[in-house]
């Protein structure tokens, strides 16, 4: 899949029409993403996110949830603190 839109730093729309919120602690990883960046979606075993987007070129991963859903507050705070 490729990026259709990434107008907001925390939301990415893929060429299949799906929209994903990027975990706040992973935003820096997305700075190098370009429209031609190939990504694939994988389910996540993480308590913070339901899925991960994986950059096929460098294998970097960002945690995501479907756009419009809410992050689990306690888990986000723990993850951002490194817990």
Protein backbone atom coordinates (compact mmCIF):
# COMPACT_ATOMS: atom_id res chain seq x y z
CA UNK A 1 0.00 0.00 0.00
CA UNK A 2 1.06 3.56 -0.56
CA UNK A 3 0.17 6.81 1.15
CA UNK A 4 -2.75 8.68 -0.39
CA UNK A 5 -2.71 11.55 2.12
CA UNK A 6 -0.71 12.51 5.18
CA UNK A 7 -1.96 16.08 5.68
CA UNK A 8 -2.22 15.81 9.45
CA UNK A 9 0.92 14.59 11.15
CA UNK A 10 -0.98 12.06 13.26
CA UNK A 11 -3.31 10.62 10.55
CA UNK A 12 -2.32 8.78 7.39
CA UNK A 13 -4.68 7.69 4.62
CA UNK A 14 -3.59 4.72 2.53
CA UNK A 15 -4.40 4.05 -1.11
CA UNK A 16 -6.98 1.44 -0.07
CA UNK A 17 -8.98 4.28 1.55
CA UNK A 18 -8.25 3.27 5.14
CA UNK A 19 -7.24 5.97 7.61
CA UNK A 20 -4.99 5.37 10.60
CA UNK A 21 -3.98 7.43 13.63
CA UNK A 22 -0.28 7.23 14.38
CA UNK A 23 0.83 6.73 17.97
CA UNK A 24 2.19 10.06 19.33
CA UNK A 25 5.52 8.52 20.33
CA UNK A 26 6.04 7.18 16.78
CA UNK A 27 5.43 10.39 14.80
CA UNK A 28 9.14 11.07 14.22
CA UNK A 29 9.43 7.77 12.34
CA UNK A 30 6.92 9.01 9.75
CA UNK A 31 8.91 12.13 8.85
CA UNK A 32 10.78 10.29 6.12
CA UNK A 33 7.64 8.82 4.53
CA UNK A 34 6.93 9.92 0.97
CA UNK A 35 3.87 9.23 -1.24
CA UNK A 36 5.81 6.43 -2.93
CA UNK A 37 6.73 4.76 0.38
CA UNK A 38 5.44 1.18 0.37
CA UNK A 39 3.75 0.23 3.64
CA UNK A 40 1.93 -2.81 4.87
CA UNK A 41 -0.41 -3.24 7.80
CA UNK A 42 0.01 -5.95 10.41
CA UNK A 43 -2.07 -6.78 13.48
CA UNK A 44 -0.37 -5.79 16.70
CA UNK A 45 -0.10 -7.73 19.92
CA UNK A 46 0.54 -4.40 21.65
CA UNK A 47 -1.92 -3.17 24.31
CA UNK A 48 -1.62 0.37 22.95
CA UNK A 49 -2.44 -0.19 19.27
CA UNK A 50 -4.50 -2.59 17.20
CA UNK A 51 -2.09 -2.58 14.23
CA UNK A 52 1.35 -1.49 13.04
CA UNK A 53 2.28 0.09 9.74
CA UNK A 54 5.58 -1.27 8.43
CA UNK A 55 7.76 0.60 5.94
CA UNK A 56 8.79 -2.07 3.42
CA UNK A 57 12.06 -0.28 2.59
CA UNK A 58 13.65 0.20 6.01
CA UNK A 59 11.36 -2.11 8.06
CA UNK A 60 10.53 0.71 10.51
CA UNK A 61 7.23 0.28 12.33
CA UNK A 62 4.69 2.68 13.79
CA UNK A 63 1.78 1.80 16.04
CA UNK A 64 -1.64 2.78 14.69
CA UNK A 65 -5.35 2.57 15.42
CA UNK A 66 -8.22 3.28 13.01
CA UNK A 67 -8.86 7.02 12.59
CA UNK A 68 -11.61 8.21 14.89
CA UNK A 69 -10.89 5.70 17.65
CA UNK A 70 -9.50 6.79 21.02
CA UNK A 71 -6.13 5.75 22.37
CA UNK A 72 -6.26 3.91 25.72
CA UNK A 73 -5.09 6.72 28.02
CA UNK A 74 -3.36 4.65 30.69
CA UNK A 75 -1.49 2.53 28.13
CA UNK A 76 -0.39 5.61 26.17
CA UNK A 77 0.97 7.30 29.29
CA UNK A 78 2.85 4.14 30.26
CA UNK A 79 4.30 3.71 26.76
CA UNK A 80 5.40 7.36 26.51
CA UNK A 81 7.08 7.06 29.92
CA UNK A 82 8.86 3.95 28.74
CA UNK A 83 6.88 1.60 30.95
